[in-house]
Amino acid sequence: MFSKKKVTRHYAEVLFEHSMNNDKRDYTYHKIKKISFLLSQSIELNNVFCTSLLSSVRKIQILEKIFYSFDPFIFHFIKILTVRKREHLSKNIFLEYQKIYQEKRGLLKCILISAFPLKMDLQKIIMNKIISLESEINNKKYQIINKIDESILGGFLLRIGYKEWNFSVKGQLFSIRKKLLKNSV
């Protein structure tokens, strides 16, 4: 039996490959982003995807009324998922598709965590300093997401993929505490 994560990744890759064959790959990406947002906001639509009370045929009829006029390509993909009893994974598949699209297009998602909102020019200065240190992200585009976490007290924490740079006051205090505990033993 395949894990949910592997199945999700497989379908997202298939969707990505088919959308790359299409001349409207950016258009498809933006449509999928809109559907992902809709799925994250609509409890009723999620219920249609996840219920076992509706037959596959009835689900397809309902989903056709919702998605066919929006985008026939995406509707047919959802129809395939429904026929194969995998429609409950749609939300995760669309999120995974977005990750794959961003990876393939060279777009890095950078999460900048600070105690208060940072202005765009300050965010760019921070990114340029980090990028100058990291050779593997020099030639890539990046998207900065500024998240607020008052518990870091000050400074910032930057995450790019699996790498993390912790320049927060909380991180520095934790480091000092760790050194003091180590020296007291």
C-alpha atoms as a PDB file:
ATOM      1  CA  MET A   1       0.000   0.000   0.000  1.00  0.00           C
ATOM      2  CA  PHE A   2       1.328   3.427  -0.937  1.00  0.00           C
ATOM      3  CA  SER A   3       1.556   6.183   1.621  1.00  0.00           C
ATOM      4  CA  LYS A   4      -0.709   9.207   1.318  1.00  0.00           C
ATOM      5  CA  LYS A   5       2.324  11.438   0.770  1.00  0.00           C
ATOM      6  CA  LYS A   6       3.654   9.328  -2.133  1.00  0.00           C
ATOM      7  CA  VAL A   7       0.242   9.205  -3.816  1.00  0.00           C
ATOM      8  CA  THR A   8      -0.170  12.961  -3.396  1.00  0.00           C
ATOM      9  CA  ARG A   9       3.288  13.640  -4.828  1.00  0.00           C
ATOM     10  CA  HIS A  10       2.666  11.265  -7.759  1.00  0.00           C
ATOM     11  CA  TYR A  11      -0.589  12.927  -8.800  1.00  0.00           C
ATOM     12  CA  ALA A  12       0.912  16.407  -8.340  1.00  0.00           C
ATOM     13  CA  GLU A  13       3.826  15.461 -10.610  1.00  0.00           C
ATOM     14  CA  VAL A  14       1.453  14.042 -13.222  1.00  0.00           C
ATOM     15  CA  LEU A  15      -0.605  17.243 -13.116  1.00  0.00           C
ATOM     16  CA  PHE A  16       2.560  19.315 -13.399  1.00  0.00           C
ATOM     17  CA  GLU A  17       3.865  17.332 -16.387  1.00  0.00           C
ATOM     18  CA  HIS A  18       0.554  17.653 -18.235  1.00  0.00           C
ATOM     19  CA  SER A  19       0.314  21.361 -17.485  1.00  0.00           C
ATOM     20  CA  MET A  20       3.868  21.852 -18.832  1.00  0.00           C
ATOM     21  CA  ASN A  21       2.799  20.313 -22.134  1.00  0.00           C
ATOM     22  CA  ASN A  22       0.118  22.955 -22.293  1.00  0.00           C
ATOM     23  CA  ASP A  23       1.012  26.450 -23.538  1.00  0.00           C
ATOM     24  CA  LYS A  24      -0.824  27.921 -20.546  1.00  0.00           C
ATOM     25  CA  ARG A  25       1.365  26.581 -17.740  1.00  0.00           C
ATOM     26  CA  ASP A  26       1.420  29.845 -15.764  1.00  0.00           C
ATOM     27  CA  TYR A  27      -2.307  30.206 -16.318  1.00  0.00           C
ATOM     28  CA  THR A  28      -2.886  26.685 -14.953  1.00  0.00           C
ATOM     29  CA  TYR A  29      -0.695  27.425 -11.937  1.00  0.00           C
ATOM     30  CA  HIS A  30      -2.743  30.509 -11.051  1.00  0.00           C
ATOM     31  CA  LYS A  31      -6.003  28.593 -11.523  1.00  0.00           C
ATOM     32  CA  ILE A  32      -4.767  25.855  -9.181  1.00  0.00           C
ATOM     33  CA  LYS A  33      -3.778  28.493  -6.611  1.00  0.00           C
ATOM     34  CA  LYS A  34      -7.337  29.835  -6.740  1.00  0.00           C
ATOM     35  CA  ILE A  35      -8.803  26.354  -6.315  1.00  0.00           C
ATOM     36  CA  SER A  36      -6.471  25.669  -3.381  1.00  0.00           C
ATOM     37  CA  PHE A  37      -7.641  28.859  -1.733  1.00  0.00           C
ATOM     38  CA  LEU A  38     -11.267  27.884  -2.388  1.00  0.00           C
ATOM     39  CA  LEU A  39     -10.700  24.434  -0.874  1.00  0.00           C
ATOM     40  CA  SER A  40      -9.055  25.939   2.198  1.00  0.00           C
ATOM     41  CA  GLN A  41     -12.021  28.282   2.731  1.00  0.00           C
ATOM     42  CA  SER A  42     -15.077  26.206   1.771  1.00  0.00           C
ATOM     43  CA  ILE A  43     -16.200  23.544   4.223  1.00  0.00           C
ATOM     44  CA  GLU A  44     -19.102  22.572   1.958  1.00  0.00           C
ATOM     45  CA  LEU A  45     -16.837  21.910  -1.019  1.00  0.00           C
ATOM     46  CA  ASN A  46     -14.478  19.869   1.160  1.00  0.00           C
ATOM     47  CA  ASN A  47     -17.489  17.846   2.295  1.00  0.00           C
ATOM     48  CA  VAL A  48     -18.328  17.038  -1.341  1.00  0.00           C
ATOM     49  CA  PHE A  49     -14.761  15.818  -1.891  1.00  0.00           C
ATOM     50  CA  CYS A  50     -14.584  13.778   1.308  1.00  0.00           C
ATOM     51  CA  THR A  51     -18.050  12.310   1.742  1.00  0.00           C
ATOM     52  CA  SER A  52     -18.713   8.641   1.148  1.00  0.00           C
ATOM     53  CA  LEU A  53     -22.472   9.253   0.980  1.00  0.00           C
ATOM     54  CA  LEU A  54     -22.313  10.389  -2.655  1.00  0.00           C
ATOM     55  CA  SER A  55     -21.528   8.026  -5.485  1.00  0.00           C
ATOM     56  CA  SER A  56     -18.634   8.844  -7.798  1.00  0.00           C
ATOM     57  CA  VAL A  57     -21.073   9.611 -10.596  1.00  0.00           C
ATOM     58  CA  ARG A  58     -23.000  12.096  -8.444  1.00  0.00           C
ATOM     59  CA  LYS A  59     -19.760  13.721  -7.218  1.00  0.00           C
ATOM     60  CA  ILE A  60     -18.585  14.152 -10.807  1.00  0.00           C
ATOM     61  CA  GLN A  61     -21.903  15.797 -11.719  1.00  0.00           C
ATOM     62  CA  ILE A  62     -21.585  18.251  -8.830  1.00  0.00           C
ATOM     63  CA  LEU A  63     -17.912  18.956  -9.480  1.00  0.00           C
ATOM     64  CA  GLU A  64     -18.576  19.473 -13.188  1.00  0.00           C
ATOM     65  CA  LYS A  65     -21.050  22.247 -12.387  1.00  0.00           C
ATOM     66  CA  ILE A  66     -18.449  23.913 -10.175  1.00  0.00           C
ATOM     67  CA  PHE A  67     -15.183  23.412 -12.063  1.00  0.00           C
ATOM     68  CA  TYR A  68     -15.841  22.769 -15.773  1.00  0.00           C
ATOM     69  CA  SER A  69     -16.602  26.372 -16.666  1.00  0.00           C
ATOM     70  CA  PHE A  70     -13.694  27.507 -14.478  1.00  0.00           C
ATOM     71  CA  ASP A  71     -11.143  25.271 -16.210  1.00  0.00           C
ATOM     72  CA  PRO A  72     -11.925  22.087 -18.202  1.00  0.00           C
ATOM     73  CA  PHE A  73      -8.353  20.754 -17.837  1.00  0.00           C
ATOM     74  CA  ILE A  74      -8.490  20.924 -14.037  1.00  0.00           C
ATOM     75  CA  PHE A  75     -12.021  19.510 -14.002  1.00  0.00           C
ATOM     76  CA  HIS A  76     -10.881  16.458 -15.984  1.00  0.00           C
ATOM     77  CA  PHE A  77      -8.036  15.969 -13.527  1.00  0.00           C
ATOM     78  CA  ILE A  78     -10.475  16.109 -10.602  1.00  0.00           C
ATOM     79  CA  LYS A  79     -12.736  13.698 -12.480  1.00  0.00           C
ATOM     80  CA  ILE A  80      -9.874  11.192 -12.783  1.00  0.00           C
ATOM     81  CA  LEU A  81      -9.218  11.535  -9.048  1.00  0.00           C
ATOM     82  CA  THR A  82     -12.895  10.927  -8.318  1.00  0.00           C
ATOM     83  CA  VAL A  83     -13.084   7.857 -10.543  1.00  0.00           C
ATOM     84  CA  ARG A  84     -10.012   6.445  -8.784  1.00  0.00           C
ATOM     85  CA  LYS A  85     -11.468   7.276  -5.324  1.00  0.00           C
ATOM     86  CA  ARG A  86      -8.715   9.785  -4.574  1.00  0.00           C
ATOM     87  CA  GLU A  87     -10.729  13.012  -4.657  1.00  0.00           C
ATOM     88  CA  HIS A  88     -10.228  13.473  -0.908  1.00  0.00           C
ATOM     89  CA  LEU A  89      -6.536  14.125  -1.690  1.00  0.00           C
ATOM     90  CA  SER A  90      -7.300  17.002  -4.084  1.00  0.00           C
ATOM     91  CA  LYS A  91      -6.426  19.779  -1.664  1.00  0.00           C
ATOM     92  CA  ASN A  92      -3.035  18.224  -0.822  1.00  0.00           C
ATOM     93  CA  ILE A  93      -2.345  17.411  -4.475  1.00  0.00           C
ATOM     94  CA  PHE A  94      -2.937  21.031  -5.499  1.00  0.00           C
ATOM     95  CA  LEU A  95      -0.671  22.283  -2.708  1.00  0.00           C
ATOM     96  CA  GLU A  96       2.042  19.815  -3.735  1.00  0.00           C
ATOM     97  CA  TYR A  97       1.619  20.905  -7.379  1.00  0.00           C
ATOM     98  CA  GLN A  98       2.325  24.495  -6.326  1.00  0.00           C
ATOM     99  CA  LYS A  99       5.517  23.398  -4.557  1.00  0.00           C
ATOM    100  CA  ILE A 100       6.677  21.453  -7.619  1.00  0.00           C
ATOM    101  CA  TYR A 101       5.880  24.382  -9.914  1.00  0.00           C
ATOM    102  CA  GLN A 102       7.868  26.771  -7.724  1.00  0.00           C
ATOM    103  CA  GLU A 103      10.822  24.360  -7.498  1.00  0.00           C
ATOM    104  CA  LYS A 104      10.934  23.801 -11.258  1.00  0.00           C
ATOM    105  CA  ARG A 105      10.605  27.493 -12.036  1.00  0.00           C
ATOM    106  CA  GLY A 106      13.478  28.282  -9.649  1.00  0.00           C
ATOM    107  CA  LEU A 107      11.296  30.134  -7.157  1.00  0.00           C
ATOM    108  CA  LEU A 108      12.359  29.738  -3.540  1.00  0.00           C
ATOM    109  CA  LYS A 109       9.926  30.324  -0.718  1.00  0.00           C
ATOM    110  CA  CYS A 110      11.700  32.261   2.018  1.00  0.00           C
ATOM    111  CA  ILE A 111      10.014  32.580   5.383  1.00  0.00           C
ATOM    112  CA  LEU A 112      11.212  35.584   7.340  1.00  0.00           C
ATOM    113  CA  ILE A 113       9.979  35.477  10.931  1.00  0.00           C
ATOM    114  CA  SER A 114      10.174  38.649  12.970  1.00  0.00           C
ATOM    115  CA  ALA A 115       8.627  40.095  16.126  1.00  0.00           C
ATOM    116  CA  PHE A 116       6.892  42.802  14.070  1.00  0.00           C
ATOM    117  CA  PRO A 117       6.182  43.375  10.340  1.00  0.00           C
ATOM    118  CA  LEU A 118       9.264  44.329   8.321  1.00  0.00           C
ATOM    119  CA  LYS A 119       9.181  46.801   5.437  1.00  0.00           C
ATOM    120  CA  MET A 120       9.865  45.397   1.965  1.00  0.00           C
ATOM    121  CA  ASP A 121      13.175  47.254   1.587  1.00  0.00           C
ATOM    122  CA  LEU A 122      14.451  45.781   4.865  1.00  0.00           C
ATOM    123  CA  GLN A 123      13.310  42.296   3.786  1.00  0.00           C
ATOM    124  CA  LYS A 124      15.251  42.687   0.531  1.00  0.00           C
ATOM    125  CA  ILE A 125      18.375  43.878   2.355  1.00  0.00           C
ATOM    126  CA  ILE A 126      18.251  40.794   4.621  1.00  0.00           C
ATOM    127  CA  MET A 127      17.737  38.489   1.620  1.00  0.00           C
ATOM    128  CA  ASN A 128      20.606  40.076  -0.330  1.00  0.00           C
ATOM    129  CA  LYS A 129      22.985  39.570   2.622  1.00  0.00           C
ATOM    130  CA  ILE A 130      22.003  35.904   2.972  1.00  0.00           C
ATOM    131  CA  ILE A 131      22.083  35.301  -0.794  1.00  0.00           C
ATOM    132  CA  SER A 132      25.599  36.734  -1.005  1.00  0.00           C
ATOM    133  CA  LEU A 133      26.649  34.113   1.589  1.00  0.00           C
ATOM    134  CA  GLU A 134      24.902  31.189  -0.120  1.00  0.00           C
ATOM    135  CA  SER A 135      26.168  30.263  -3.584  1.00  0.00           C
ATOM    136  CA  GLU A 136      23.398  27.739  -4.313  1.00  0.00           C
ATOM    137  CA  ILE A 137      20.607  30.330  -4.150  1.00  0.00           C
ATOM    138  CA  ASN A 138      22.411  33.115  -6.010  1.00  0.00           C
ATOM    139  CA  ASN A 139      20.739  32.588  -9.370  1.00  0.00           C
ATOM    140  CA  LYS A 140      17.216  31.792  -8.155  1.00  0.00           C
ATOM    141  CA  LYS A 141      14.179  33.957  -7.699  1.00  0.00           C
ATOM    142  CA  TYR A 142      12.685  34.106  -4.252  1.00  0.00           C
ATOM    143  CA  GLN A 143       9.382  34.901  -2.626  1.00  0.00           C
ATOM    144  CA  ILE A 144       9.542  36.401   0.860  1.00  0.00           C
ATOM    145  CA  ILE A 145       6.810  35.628   3.354  1.00  0.00           C
ATOM    146  CA  ASN A 146       7.051  37.751   6.499  1.00  0.00           C
ATOM    147  CA  LYS A 147       5.488  35.941   9.461  1.00  0.00           C
ATOM    148  CA  ILE A 148       5.060  37.564  12.840  1.00  0.00           C
ATOM    149  CA  ASP A 149       6.079  35.757  16.036  1.00  0.00           C
ATOM    150  CA  GLU A 150       6.376  38.025  19.054  1.00  0.00           C
ATOM    151  CA  SER A 151       8.026  35.258  21.091  1.00  0.00           C
ATOM    152  CA  ILE A 152      11.358  35.773  19.273  1.00  0.00           C
ATOM    153  CA  LEU A 153      11.553  39.167  21.067  1.00  0.00           C
ATOM    154  CA  GLY A 154      13.635  40.866  18.353  1.00  0.00           C
ATOM    155  CA  GLY A 155      15.843  40.194  15.376  1.00  0.00           C
ATOM    156  CA  PHE A 156      14.701  37.672  12.781  1.00  0.00           C
ATOM    157  CA  LEU A 157      14.689  34.034  11.777  1.00  0.00           C
ATOM    158  CA  LEU A 158      15.024  33.150   8.087  1.00  0.00           C
ATOM    159  CA  ARG A 159      14.086  29.780   6.580  1.00  0.00           C
ATOM    160  CA  ILE A 160      14.879  28.824   2.998  1.00  0.00           C
ATOM    161  CA  GLY A 161      14.005  25.222   2.289  1.00  0.00           C
ATOM    162  CA  TYR A 162      15.669  23.165   5.003  1.00  0.00           C
ATOM    163  CA  LYS A 163      18.198  25.827   5.962  1.00  0.00           C
ATOM    164  CA  GLU A 164      17.639  28.222   8.822  1.00  0.00           C
ATOM    165  CA  TRP A 165      19.453  31.352   9.976  1.00  0.00           C
ATOM    166  CA  ASN A 166      18.523  32.366  13.512  1.00  0.00           C
ATOM    167  CA  PHE A 167      19.373  35.973  14.328  1.00  0.00           C
ATOM    168  CA  SER A 168      16.639  36.349  16.928  1.00  0.00           C
ATOM    169  CA  VAL A 169      17.077  37.579  20.484  1.00  0.00           C
ATOM    170  CA  LYS A 170      15.348  34.433  21.705  1.00  0.00           C
ATOM    171  CA  GLY A 171      17.834  32.264  19.787  1.00  0.00           C
ATOM    172  CA  GLN A 172      20.798  34.182  21.172  1.00  0.00           C
ATOM    173  CA  LEU A 173      19.469  33.926  24.735  1.00  0.00           C
ATOM    174  CA  PHE A 174      18.932  30.189  24.261  1.00  0.00           C
ATOM    175  CA  SER A 175      22.505  29.825  22.992  1.00  0.00           C
ATOM    176  CA  ILE A 176      23.902  31.733  25.998  1.00  0.00           C
ATOM    177  CA  ARG A 177      21.824  29.603  28.367  1.00  0.00           C
ATOM    178  CA  LYS A 178      23.093  26.425  26.699  1.00  0.00           C
ATOM    179  CA  LYS A 179      26.735  27.558  27.073  1.00  0.00           C
ATOM    180  CA  LEU A 180      26.217  28.487  30.731  1.00  0.00           C
ATOM    181  CA  LEU A 181      24.638  25.110  31.510  1.00  0.00           C
ATOM    182  CA  LYS A 182      27.442  23.319  29.683  1.00  0.00           C
ATOM    183  CA  ASN A 183      30.141  25.230  31.617  1.00  0.00           C
ATOM    184  CA  SER A 184      28.464  24.706  34.987  1.00  0.00           C
ATOM    185  CA  VAL A 185      28.687  20.906  34.719  1.00  0.00           C
END
